[in-house]
Amino acid sequence: MPPVEDDLRRIAEGFGELKGELRSQHQATMRAFDNIRDDMQRMEDSQKQAMQSMEERLNGKIDSLGGRVRTLEQKSEDAKVAAAKQGVAVSGITAALTYAAIEIIKRIPH
């Protein structure tokens, strides 16, 4: 084989090898991008799940707090009723004592 043809053949083989290596590197790069994309999707899914879990816990705490407020409001209402009853009882006793004092004063000779 003449030297020029031999050189051209080696150049063509070199280009073929280079093309094969570039294809291999391209495929490896694309696999790496796919892996990164999959990792990012997993991270996003994990974050969504964490946010949903946090939202559920917060909603539970808010619901619990609402229940506590209702309980405190009911206790407050019960305390108001008890105070009103106590006030009526004290007023009744005061009225009775006042009436008794007036009757005693009326009966004292002047």
PDB file of N, CA and C in Angstrom:
ATOM      1  N   MET A   1       0.847  -1.166   0.000  1.00  0.00           N
ATOM      2  CA  MET A   1       0.000   0.000   0.000  1.00  0.00           C
ATOM      3  C   MET A   1       0.905   1.246   0.000  1.00  0.00           C
ATOM      4  N   PRO A   2       0.584   2.193  -0.885  1.00  0.00           N
ATOM      5  CA  PRO A   2       1.412   3.392  -0.936  1.00  0.00           C
ATOM      6  C   PRO A   2       1.303   4.193   0.360  1.00  0.00           C
ATOM      7  N   PRO A   3       2.312   4.973   0.688  1.00  0.00           N
ATOM      8  CA  PRO A   3       2.324   5.699   1.956  1.00  0.00           C
ATOM      9  C   PRO A   3       1.157   6.669   2.105  1.00  0.00           C
ATOM     10  N   VAL A   4       0.703   7.305   1.058  1.00  0.00           N
ATOM     11  CA  VAL A   4      -0.407   8.260   1.163  1.00  0.00           C
ATOM     12  C   VAL A   4      -1.693   7.515   1.518  1.00  0.00           C
ATOM     13  N   GLU A   5      -1.932   6.406   0.865  1.00  0.00           N
ATOM     14  CA  GLU A   5      -3.148   5.635   1.151  1.00  0.00           C
ATOM     15  C   GLU A   5      -3.093   5.078   2.569  1.00  0.00           C
ATOM     16  N   ASP A   6      -1.903   4.644   2.962  1.00  0.00           N
ATOM     17  CA  ASP A   6      -1.747   4.125   4.329  1.00  0.00           C
ATOM     18  C   ASP A   6      -2.026   5.234   5.347  1.00  0.00           C
ATOM     19  N   ASP A   7      -1.541   6.420   5.064  1.00  0.00           N
ATOM     20  CA  ASP A   7      -1.796   7.558   5.967  1.00  0.00           C
ATOM     21  C   ASP A   7      -3.275   7.889   6.011  1.00  0.00           C
ATOM     22  N   LEU A   8      -3.919   7.891   4.842  1.00  0.00           N
ATOM     23  CA  LEU A   8      -5.358   8.179   4.785  1.00  0.00           C
ATOM     24  C   LEU A   8      -6.162   7.115   5.543  1.00  0.00           C
ATOM     25  N   ARG A   9      -5.754   5.842   5.389  1.00  0.00           N
ATOM     26  CA  ARG A   9      -6.427   4.759   6.101  1.00  0.00           C
ATOM     27  C   ARG A   9      -6.289   4.949   7.606  1.00  0.00           C
ATOM     28  N   ARG A  10      -5.079   5.304   8.082  1.00  0.00           N
ATOM     29  CA  ARG A  10      -4.864   5.522   9.520  1.00  0.00           C
ATOM     30  C   ARG A  10      -5.668   6.731  10.015  1.00  0.00           C
ATOM     31  N   ILE A  11      -5.720   7.769   9.193  1.00  0.00           N
ATOM     32  CA  ILE A  11      -6.518   8.950   9.563  1.00  0.00           C
ATOM     33  C   ILE A  11      -7.995   8.569   9.667  1.00  0.00           C
ATOM     34  N   ALA A  12      -8.479   7.794   8.707  1.00  0.00           N
ATOM     35  CA  ALA A  12      -9.879   7.358   8.723  1.00  0.00           C
ATOM     36  C   ALA A  12     -10.141   6.483   9.949  1.00  0.00           C
ATOM     37  N   GLU A  13      -9.227   5.579  10.269  1.00  0.00           N
ATOM     38  CA  GLU A  13      -9.380   4.742  11.461  1.00  0.00           C
ATOM     39  C   GLU A  13      -9.380   5.610  12.718  1.00  0.00           C
ATOM     40  N   GLY A  14      -8.500   6.614  12.740  1.00  0.00           N
ATOM     41  CA  GLY A  14      -8.434   7.537  13.887  1.00  0.00           C
ATOM     42  C   GLY A  14      -9.741   8.299  14.058  1.00  0.00           C
ATOM     43  N   PHE A  15     -10.290   8.765  12.931  1.00  0.00           N
ATOM     44  CA  PHE A  15     -11.585   9.447  12.995  1.00  0.00           C
ATOM     45  C   PHE A  15     -12.682   8.498  13.497  1.00  0.00           C
ATOM     46  N   GLY A  16     -12.639   7.262  13.048  1.00  0.00           N
ATOM     47  CA  GLY A  16     -13.616   6.260  13.492  1.00  0.00           C
ATOM     48  C   GLY A  16     -13.516   6.024  14.993  1.00  0.00           C
ATOM     49  N   GLU A  17     -12.260   5.869  15.468  1.00  0.00           N
ATOM     50  CA  GLU A  17     -12.059   5.674  16.908  1.00  0.00           C
ATOM     51  C   GLU A  17     -12.528   6.906  17.696  1.00  0.00           C
ATOM     52  N   LEU A  18     -12.177   8.091  17.176  1.00  0.00           N
ATOM     53  CA  LEU A  18     -12.586   9.341  17.827  1.00  0.00           C
ATOM     54  C   LEU A  18     -14.107   9.456  17.866  1.00  0.00           C
ATOM     55  N   LYS A  19     -14.741   9.107  16.730  1.00  0.00           N
ATOM     56  CA  LYS A  19     -16.193   9.153  16.673  1.00  0.00           C
ATOM     57  C   LYS A  19     -16.797   8.176  17.689  1.00  0.00           C
ATOM     58  N   GLY A  20     -16.226   6.993  17.788  1.00  0.00           N
ATOM     59  CA  GLY A  20     -16.707   5.997  18.754  1.00  0.00           C
ATOM     60  C   GLY A  20     -16.537   6.492  20.191  1.00  0.00           C
ATOM     61  N   GLU A  21     -15.380   7.095  20.488  1.00  0.00           N
ATOM     62  CA  GLU A  21     -15.133   7.609  21.833  1.00  0.00           C
ATOM     63  C   GLU A  21     -16.082   8.765  22.145  1.00  0.00           C
ATOM     64  N   LEU A  22     -16.292   9.658  21.167  1.00  0.00           N
ATOM     65  CA  LEU A  22     -17.219  10.766  21.377  1.00  0.00           C
ATOM     66  C   LEU A  22     -18.635  10.250  21.634  1.00  0.00           C
ATOM     67  N   ARG A  23     -19.063   9.232  20.881  1.00  0.00           N
ATOM     68  CA  ARG A  23     -20.379   8.640  21.077  1.00  0.00           C
ATOM     69  C   ARG A  23     -20.472   8.051  22.486  1.00  0.00           C
ATOM     70  N   SER A  24     -19.421   7.355  22.899  1.00  0.00           N
ATOM     71  CA  SER A  24     -19.392   6.746  24.232  1.00  0.00           C
ATOM     72  C   SER A  24     -19.467   7.828  25.317  1.00  0.00           C
ATOM     73  N   GLN A  25     -18.696   8.905  25.150  1.00  0.00           N
ATOM     74  CA  GLN A  25     -18.719  10.002  26.126  1.00  0.00           C
ATOM     75  C   GLN A  25     -20.084  10.695  26.132  1.00  0.00           C
ATOM     76  N   HIS A  26     -20.663  10.862  24.945  1.00  0.00           N
ATOM     77  CA  HIS A  26     -21.988  11.477  24.856  1.00  0.00           C
ATOM     78  C   HIS A  26     -23.022  10.623  25.597  1.00  0.00           C
ATOM     79  N   GLN A  27     -22.969   9.321  25.393  1.00  0.00           N
ATOM     80  CA  GLN A  27     -23.913   8.424  26.068  1.00  0.00           C
ATOM     81  C   GLN A  27     -23.709   8.472  27.585  1.00  0.00           C
ATOM     82  N   ALA A  28     -22.446   8.501  28.027  1.00  0.00           N
ATOM     83  CA  ALA A  28     -22.159   8.577  29.459  1.00  0.00           C
ATOM     84  C   ALA A  28     -22.681   9.897  30.039  1.00  0.00           C
ATOM     85  N   THR A  29     -22.480  10.979  29.283  1.00  0.00           N
ATOM     86  CA  THR A  29     -22.962  12.291  29.728  1.00  0.00           C
ATOM     87  C   THR A  29     -24.488  12.292  29.822  1.00  0.00           C
ATOM     88  N   MET A  30     -25.147  11.724  28.838  1.00  0.00           N
ATOM     89  CA  MET A  30     -26.610  11.682  28.842  1.00  0.00           C
ATOM     90  C   MET A  30     -27.113  10.832  30.014  1.00  0.00           C
ATOM     91  N   ARG A  31     -26.441   9.712  30.320  1.00  0.00           N
ATOM     92  CA  ARG A  31     -26.819   8.893  31.485  1.00  0.00           C
ATOM     93  C   ARG A  31     -26.657   9.696  32.770  1.00  0.00           C
ATOM     94  N   ALA A  32     -25.567  10.477  32.840  1.00  0.00           N
ATOM     95  CA  ALA A  32     -25.343  11.306  34.033  1.00  0.00           C
ATOM     96  C   ALA A  32     -26.451  12.345  34.162  1.00  0.00           C
ATOM     97  N   PHE A  33     -26.845  12.972  33.038  1.00  0.00           N
ATOM     98  CA  PHE A  33     -27.947  13.937  33.077  1.00  0.00           C
ATOM     99  C   PHE A  33     -29.250  13.258  33.508  1.00  0.00           C
ATOM    100  N   ASP A  34     -29.496  12.061  32.992  1.00  0.00           N
ATOM    101  CA  ASP A  34     -30.704  11.323  33.392  1.00  0.00           C
ATOM    102  C   ASP A  34     -30.684  11.018  34.891  1.00  0.00           C
ATOM    103  N   ASN A  35     -29.508  10.634  35.399  1.00  0.00           N
ATOM    104  CA  ASN A  35     -29.385  10.357  36.838  1.00  0.00           C
ATOM    105  C   ASN A  35     -29.647  11.614  37.658  1.00  0.00           C
ATOM    106  N   ILE A  36     -29.078  12.736  37.204  1.00  0.00           N
ATOM    107  CA  ILE A  36     -29.298  14.006  37.912  1.00  0.00           C
ATOM    108  C   ILE A  36     -30.776  14.372  37.880  1.00  0.00           C
ATOM    109  N   ARG A  37     -31.415  14.210  36.718  1.00  0.00           N
ATOM    110  CA  ARG A  37     -32.839  14.519  36.583  1.00  0.00           C
ATOM    111  C   ARG A  37     -33.667  13.627  37.523  1.00  0.00           C
ATOM    112  N   ASP A  38     -33.324  12.337  37.587  1.00  0.00           N
ATOM    113  CA  ASP A  38     -34.036  11.414  38.484  1.00  0.00           C
ATOM    114  C   ASP A  38     -33.832  11.811  39.946  1.00  0.00           C
ATOM    115  N   ASP A  39     -32.590  12.180  40.289  1.00  0.00           N
ATOM    116  CA  ASP A  39     -32.306  12.613  41.664  1.00  0.00           C
ATOM    117  C   ASP A  39     -33.111  13.867  42.015  1.00  0.00           C
ATOM    118  N   MET A  40     -33.177  14.808  41.080  1.00  0.00           N
ATOM    119  CA  MET A  40     -33.928  16.037  41.327  1.00  0.00           C
ATOM    120  C   MET A  40     -35.421  15.728  41.492  1.00  0.00           C
ATOM    121  N   GLN A  41     -35.933  14.797  40.708  1.00  0.00           N
ATOM    122  CA  GLN A  41     -37.342  14.420  40.826  1.00  0.00           C
ATOM    123  C   GLN A  41     -37.603  13.773  42.184  1.00  0.00           C
ATOM    124  N   ARG A  42     -36.687  12.906  42.619  1.00  0.00           N
ATOM    125  CA  ARG A  42     -36.840  12.279  43.940  1.00  0.00           C
ATOM    126  C   ARG A  42     -36.802  13.326  45.050  1.00  0.00           C
ATOM    127  N   MET A  43     -35.894  14.297  44.925  1.00  0.00           N
ATOM    128  CA  MET A  43     -35.811  15.362  45.931  1.00  0.00           C
ATOM    129  C   MET A  43     -37.102  16.178  45.950  1.00  0.00           C
ATOM    130  N   GLU A  44     -37.623  16.493  44.772  1.00  0.00           N
ATOM    131  CA  GLU A  44     -38.870  17.263  44.691  1.00  0.00           C
ATOM    132  C   GLU A  44     -40.032  16.484  45.302  1.00  0.00           C
ATOM    133  N   ASP A  45     -40.107  15.190  44.994  1.00  0.00           N
ATOM    134  CA  ASP A  45     -41.163  14.356  45.576  1.00  0.00           C
ATOM    135  C   ASP A  45     -41.032  14.287  47.092  1.00  0.00           C
ATOM    136  N   SER A  46     -39.790  14.171  47.560  1.00  0.00           N
ATOM    137  CA  SER A  46     -39.543  14.121  48.997  1.00  0.00           C
ATOM    138  C   SER A  46     -39.961  15.428  49.664  1.00  0.00           C
ATOM    139  N   GLN A  47     -39.641  16.551  49.030  1.00  0.00           N
ATOM    140  CA  GLN A  47     -40.026  17.851  49.577  1.00  0.00           C
ATOM    141  C   GLN A  47     -41.537  18.006  49.592  1.00  0.00           C
ATOM    142  N   LYS A  48     -42.202  17.561  48.531  1.00  0.00           N
ATOM    143  CA  LYS A  48     -43.665  17.628  48.493  1.00  0.00           C
ATOM    144  C   LYS A  48     -44.261  16.812  49.631  1.00  0.00           C
ATOM    145  N   GLN A  49     -43.717  15.613  49.841  1.00  0.00           N
ATOM    146  CA  GLN A  49     -44.219  14.752  50.910  1.00  0.00           C
ATOM    147  C   GLN A  49     -43.985  15.401  52.271  1.00  0.00           C
ATOM    148  N   ALA A  50     -42.807  15.987  52.452  1.00  0.00           N
ATOM    149  CA  ALA A  50     -42.509  16.656  53.726  1.00  0.00           C
ATOM    150  C   ALA A  50     -43.452  17.832  53.950  1.00  0.00           C
ATOM    151  N   MET A  51     -43.728  18.600  52.901  1.00  0.00           N
ATOM    152  CA  MET A  51     -44.645  19.737  53.018  1.00  0.00           C
ATOM    153  C   MET A  51     -46.059  19.261  53.342  1.00  0.00           C
ATOM    154  N   GLN A  52     -46.501  18.183  52.704  1.00  0.00           N
ATOM    155  CA  GLN A  52     -47.829  17.650  52.992  1.00  0.00           C
ATOM    156  C   GLN A  52     -47.908  17.173  54.433  1.00  0.00           C
ATOM    157  N   SER A  53     -46.863  16.505  54.881  1.00  0.00           N
ATOM    158  CA  SER A  53     -46.831  16.017  56.258  1.00  0.00           C
ATOM    159  C   SER A  53     -46.881  17.183  57.241  1.00  0.00           C
ATOM    160  N   MET A  54     -46.100  18.234  56.949  1.00  0.00           N
ATOM    161  CA  MET A  54     -46.086  19.412  57.817  1.00  0.00           C
ATOM    162  C   MET A  54     -47.456  20.086  57.812  1.00  0.00           C
ATOM    163  N   GLU A  55     -48.076  20.165  56.644  1.00  0.00           N
ATOM    164  CA  GLU A  55     -49.400  20.781  56.539  1.00  0.00           C
ATOM    165  C   GLU A  55     -50.428  19.987  57.346  1.00  0.00           C
ATOM    166  N   GLU A  56     -50.344  18.656  57.267  1.00  0.00           N
ATOM    167  CA  GLU A  56     -51.272  17.823  58.037  1.00  0.00           C
ATOM    168  C   GLU A  56     -51.071  18.023  59.540  1.00  0.00           C
ATOM    169  N   ARG A  57     -49.805  18.095  59.969  1.00  0.00           N
ATOM    170  CA  ARG A  57     -49.538  18.313  61.394  1.00  0.00           C
ATOM    171  C   ARG A  57     -50.047  19.677  61.839  1.00  0.00           C
ATOM    172  N   LEU A  58     -49.812  20.696  61.003  1.00  0.00           N
ATOM    173  CA  LEU A  58     -50.286  22.042  61.339  1.00  0.00           C
ATOM    174  C   LEU A  58     -51.811  22.084  61.409  1.00  0.00           C
ATOM    175  N   ASN A  59     -52.459  21.444  60.444  1.00  0.00           N
ATOM    176  CA  ASN A  59     -53.923  21.413  60.470  1.00  0.00           C
ATOM    177  C   ASN A  59     -54.428  20.699  61.722  1.00  0.00           C
ATOM    178  N   GLY A  60     -53.744  19.630  62.111  1.00  0.00           N
ATOM    179  CA  GLY A  60     -54.118  18.922  63.336  1.00  0.00           C
ATOM    180  C   GLY A  60     -53.969  19.814  64.561  1.00  0.00           C
ATOM    181  N   LYS A  61     -52.865  20.555  64.605  1.00  0.00           N
ATOM    182  CA  LYS A  61     -52.644  21.457  65.743  1.00  0.00           C
ATOM    183  C   LYS A  61     -53.673  22.585  65.750  1.00  0.00           C
ATOM    184  N   ILE A  62     -54.010  23.099  64.571  1.00  0.00           N
ATOM    185  CA  ILE A  62     -55.019  24.164  64.492  1.00  0.00           C
ATOM    186  C   ILE A  62     -56.372  23.640  64.942  1.00  0.00           C
ATOM    187  N   ASP A  63     -56.724  22.436  64.498  1.00  0.00           N
ATOM    188  CA  ASP A  63     -57.991  21.837  64.918  1.00  0.00           C
ATOM    189  C   ASP A  63     -58.010  21.617  66.430  1.00  0.00           C
ATOM    190  N   SER A  64     -56.880  21.145  66.964  1.00  0.00           N
ATOM    191  CA  SER A  64     -56.769  20.932  68.407  1.00  0.00           C
ATOM    192  C   SER A  64     -56.916  22.249  69.156  1.00  0.00           C
ATOM    193  N   LEU A  65     -56.273  23.282  68.632  1.00  0.00           N
ATOM    194  CA  LEU A  65     -56.361  24.596  69.258  1.00  0.00           C
ATOM    195  C   LEU A  65     -57.792  25.117  69.225  1.00  0.00           C
ATOM    196  N   GLY A  66     -58.493  24.884  68.106  1.00  0.00           N
ATOM    197  CA  GLY A  66     -59.892  25.287  68.004  1.00  0.00           C
ATOM    198  C   GLY A  66     -60.742  24.584  69.056  1.00  0.00           C
ATOM    199  N   GLY A  67     -60.466  23.307  69.276  1.00  0.00           N
ATOM    200  CA  GLY A  67     -61.183  22.561  70.306  1.00  0.00           C
ATOM    201  C   GLY A  67     -60.901  23.118  71.691  1.00  0.00           C
ATOM    202  N   ARG A  68     -59.662  23.469  71.938  1.00  0.00           N
ATOM    203  CA  ARG A  68     -59.306  24.049  73.242  1.00  0.00           C
ATOM    204  C   ARG A  68     -60.006  25.381  73.451  1.00  0.00           C
ATOM    205  N   VAL A  69     -60.062  26.186  72.395  1.00  0.00           N
ATOM    206  CA  VAL A  69     -60.733  27.486  72.508  1.00  0.00           C
ATOM    207  C   VAL A  69     -62.205  27.275  72.829  1.00  0.00           C
ATOM    208  N   ARG A  70     -62.836  26.322  72.143  1.00  0.00           N
ATOM    209  CA  ARG A  70     -64.254  26.042  72.422  1.00  0.00           C
ATOM    210  C   ARG A  70     -64.439  25.582  73.867  1.00  0.00           C
ATOM    211  N   THR A  71     -63.520  24.744  74.352  1.00  0.00           N
ATOM    212  CA  THR A  71     -63.598  24.279  75.742  1.00  0.00           C
ATOM    213  C   THR A  71     -63.466  25.452  76.710  1.00  0.00           C
ATOM    214  N   LEU A  72     -62.495  26.332  76.438  1.00  0.00           N
ATOM    215  CA  LEU A  72     -62.305  27.504  77.304  1.00  0.00           C
ATOM    216  C   LEU A  72     -63.509  28.434  77.238  1.00  0.00           C
ATOM    217  N   GLU A  73     -64.079  28.595  76.055  1.00  0.00           N
ATOM    218  CA  GLU A  73     -65.271  29.437  75.941  1.00  0.00           C
ATOM    219  C   GLU A  73     -66.415  28.848  76.749  1.00  0.00           C
ATOM    220  N   GLN A  74     -66.569  27.517  76.705  1.00  0.00           N
ATOM    221  CA  GLN A  74     -67.632  26.867  77.464  1.00  0.00           C
ATOM    222  C   GLN A  74     -67.376  27.027  78.965  1.00  0.00           C
ATOM    223  N   LYS A  75     -66.118  26.856  79.379  1.00  0.00           N
ATOM    224  CA  LYS A  75     -65.795  27.041  80.793  1.00  0.00           C
ATOM    225  C   LYS A  75     -66.061  28.473  81.220  1.00  0.00           C
ATOM    226  N   SER A  76     -65.716  29.412  80.325  1.00  0.00           N
ATOM    227  CA  SER A  76     -65.965  30.818  80.621  1.00  0.00           C
ATOM    228  C   SER A  76     -67.464  31.064  80.766  1.00  0.00           C
ATOM    229  N   GLU A  77     -68.237  30.478  79.880  1.00  0.00           N
ATOM    230  CA  GLU A  77     -69.697  30.623  79.949  1.00  0.00           C
ATOM    231  C   GLU A  77     -70.226  29.997  81.239  1.00  0.00           C
ATOM    232  N   ASP A  78     -69.706  28.827  81.605  1.00  0.00           N
ATOM    233  CA  ASP A  78     -70.116  28.176  82.851  1.00  0.00           C
ATOM    234  C   ASP A  78     -69.756  29.043  84.053  1.00  0.00           C
ATOM    235  N   ALA A  79     -68.560  29.668  83.997  1.00  0.00           N
ATOM    236  CA  ALA A  79     -68.143  30.543  85.097  1.00  0.00           C
ATOM    237  C   ALA A  79     -69.053  31.762  85.189  1.00  0.00           C
ATOM    238  N   LYS A  80     -69.471  32.295  84.042  1.00  0.00           N
ATOM    239  CA  LYS A  80     -70.393  33.436  84.046  1.00  0.00           C
ATOM    240  C   LYS A  80     -71.724  33.041  84.684  1.00  0.00           C
ATOM    241  N   VAL A  81     -72.227  31.877  84.334  1.00  0.00           N
ATOM    242  CA  VAL A  81     -73.501  31.408  84.898  1.00  0.00           C
ATOM    243  C   VAL A  81     -73.347  31.210  86.405  1.00  0.00           C
ATOM    244  N   ALA A  82     -72.234  30.597  86.819  1.00  0.00           N
ATOM    245  CA  ALA A  82     -72.002  30.370  88.251  1.00  0.00           C
ATOM    246  C   ALA A  82     -71.902  31.708  88.990  1.00  0.00           C
ATOM    247  N   ALA A  83     -71.205  32.672  88.404  1.00  0.00           N
ATOM    248  CA  ALA A  83     -71.077  33.991  89.037  1.00  0.00           C
ATOM    249  C   ALA A  83     -72.432  34.677  89.126  1.00  0.00           C
ATOM    250  N   ALA A  84     -73.249  34.541  88.077  1.00  0.00           N
ATOM    251  CA  ALA A  84     -74.587  35.140  88.100  1.00  0.00           C
ATOM    252  C   ALA A  84     -75.441  34.500  89.189  1.00  0.00           C
ATOM    253  N   LYS A  85     -75.374  33.178  89.307  1.00  0.00           N
ATOM    254  CA  LYS A  85     -76.144  32.474  90.355  1.00  0.00           C
ATOM    255  C   LYS A  85     -75.678  32.915  91.734  1.00  0.00           C
ATOM    256  N   GLN A  86     -74.370  33.013  91.882  1.00  0.00           N
ATOM    257  CA  GLN A  86     -73.816  33.438  93.157  1.00  0.00           C
ATOM    258  C   GLN A  86     -74.254  34.873  93.464  1.00  0.00           C
ATOM    259  N   GLY A  87     -74.255  35.730  92.455  1.00  0.00           N
ATOM    260  CA  GLY A  87     -74.695  37.109  92.636  1.00  0.00           C
ATOM    261  C   GLY A  87     -76.155  37.170  93.062  1.00  0.00           C
ATOM    262  N   VAL A  88     -76.988  36.355  92.450  1.00  0.00           N
ATOM    263  CA  VAL A  88     -78.413  36.310  92.821  1.00  0.00           C
ATOM    264  C   VAL A  88     -78.560  35.840  94.259  1.00  0.00           C
ATOM    265  N   ALA A  89     -77.788  34.809  94.629  1.00  0.00           N
ATOM    266  CA  ALA A  89     -77.877  34.293  95.999  1.00  0.00           C
ATOM    267  C   ALA A  89     -77.434  35.355  97.005  1.00  0.00           C
ATOM    268  N   VAL A  90     -76.309  36.028  96.715  1.00  0.00           N
ATOM    269  CA  VAL A  90     -75.817  37.074  97.620  1.00  0.00           C
ATOM    270  C   VAL A  90     -76.827  38.218  97.687  1.00  0.00           C
ATOM    271  N   SER A  91     -77.411  38.586  96.566  1.00  0.00           N
ATOM    272  CA  SER A  91     -78.426  39.652  96.561  1.00  0.00           C
ATOM    273  C   SER A  91     -79.636  39.247  97.389  1.00  0.00           C
ATOM    274  N   GLY A  92     -80.026  37.993  97.268  1.00  0.00           N
ATOM    275  CA  GLY A  92     -81.168  37.502  98.051  1.00  0.00           C
ATOM    276  C   GLY A  92     -80.878  37.547  99.544  1.00  0.00           C
ATOM    277  N   ILE A  93     -79.675  37.108  99.905  1.00  0.00           N
ATOM    278  CA  ILE A  93     -79.300  37.127 101.329  1.00  0.00           C
ATOM    279  C   ILE A  93     -79.223  38.570 101.824  1.00  0.00           C
ATOM    280  N   THR A  94     -78.613  39.450 101.021  1.00  0.00           N
ATOM    281  CA  THR A  94     -78.515  40.861 101.409  1.00  0.00           C
ATOM    282  C   THR A  94     -79.901  41.475 101.563  1.00  0.00           C
ATOM    283  N   ALA A  95     -80.789  41.170 100.643  1.00  0.00           N
ATOM    284  CA  ALA A  95     -82.161  41.698 100.734  1.00  0.00           C
ATOM    285  C   ALA A  95     -82.852  41.182 101.986  1.00  0.00           C
ATOM    286  N   ALA A  96     -82.660  39.894 102.298  1.00  0.00           N
ATOM    287  CA  ALA A  96     -83.291  39.315 103.493  1.00  0.00           C
ATOM    288  C   ALA A  96     -82.734  39.972 104.763  1.00  0.00           C
ATOM    289  N   LEU A  97     -81.406  40.153 104.817  1.00  0.00           N
ATOM    290  CA  LEU A  97     -80.801  40.787 105.992  1.00  0.00           C
ATOM    291  C   LEU A  97     -81.263  42.240 106.132  1.00  0.00           C
ATOM    292  N   THR A  98     -81.356  42.938 104.997  1.00  0.00           N
ATOM    293  CA  THR A  98     -81.821  44.330 105.025  1.00  0.00           C
ATOM    294  C   THR A  98     -83.257  44.389 105.530  1.00  0.00           C
ATOM    295  N   TYR A  99     -84.106  43.492 105.027  1.00  0.00           N
ATOM    296  CA  TYR A  99     -85.512  43.449 105.455  1.00  0.00           C
ATOM    297  C   TYR A  99     -85.596  43.153 106.958  1.00  0.00           C
ATOM    298  N   ALA A 100     -84.747  42.181 107.400  1.00  0.00           N
ATOM    299  CA  ALA A 100     -84.757  41.830 108.822  1.00  0.00           C
ATOM    300  C   ALA A 100     -84.295  43.015 109.666  1.00  0.00           C
ATOM    301  N   ALA A 101     -83.239  43.717 109.194  1.00  0.00           N
ATOM    302  CA  ALA A 101     -82.743  44.872 109.946  1.00  0.00           C
ATOM    303  C   ALA A 101     -83.809  45.957 110.019  1.00  0.00           C
ATOM    304  N   ILE A 102     -84.512  46.184 108.939  1.00  0.00           N
ATOM    305  CA  ILE A 102     -85.577  47.194 108.932  1.00  0.00           C
ATOM    306  C   ILE A 102     -86.690  46.803 109.909  1.00  0.00           C
ATOM    307  N   GLU A 103     -87.056  45.545 109.906  1.00  0.00           N
ATOM    308  CA  GLU A 103     -88.116  45.082 110.807  1.00  0.00           C
ATOM    309  C   GLU A 103     -87.686  45.215 112.267  1.00  0.00           C
ATOM    310  N   ILE A 104     -86.413  44.918 112.527  1.00  0.00           N
ATOM    311  CA  ILE A 104     -85.915  45.053 113.903  1.00  0.00           C
ATOM    312  C   ILE A 104     -85.914  46.518 114.312  1.00  0.00           C
ATOM    313  N   ILE A 105     -85.466  47.377 113.391  1.00  0.00           N
ATOM    314  CA  ILE A 105     -85.446  48.826 113.689  1.00  0.00           C
ATOM    315  C   ILE A 105     -86.862  49.322 113.922  1.00  0.00           C
ATOM    316  N   LYS A 106     -87.839  48.856 113.195  1.00  0.00           N
ATOM    317  CA  LYS A 106     -89.225  49.278 113.381  1.00  0.00           C
ATOM    318  C   LYS A 106     -89.736  48.895 114.742  1.00  0.00           C
ATOM    319  N   ARG A 107     -89.296  47.810 115.261  1.00  0.00           N
ATOM    320  CA  ARG A 107     -89.823  47.306 116.532  1.00  0.00           C
ATOM    321  C   ARG A 107     -89.089  47.883 117.752  1.00  0.00           C
ATOM    322  N   ILE A 108     -87.997  48.547 117.524  1.00  0.00           N
ATOM    323  CA  ILE A 108     -87.290  49.173 118.655  1.00  0.00           C
ATOM    324  C   ILE A 108     -88.121  50.377 119.089  1.00  0.00           C
ATOM    325  N   PRO A 109     -88.393  50.467 120.389  1.00  0.00           N
ATOM    326  CA  PRO A 109     -89.131  51.656 120.843  1.00  0.00           C
ATOM    327  C   PRO A 109     -88.269  52.895 120.727  1.00  0.00           C
ATOM    328  N   HIS A 110     -88.890  53.921 120.288  1.00  0.00           N
ATOM    329  CA  HIS A 110     -88.192  55.191 120.094  1.00  0.00           C
ATOM    330  C   HIS A 110     -88.494  56.121 121.210  1.00  0.00           C
TER     331      HIS A 110
END
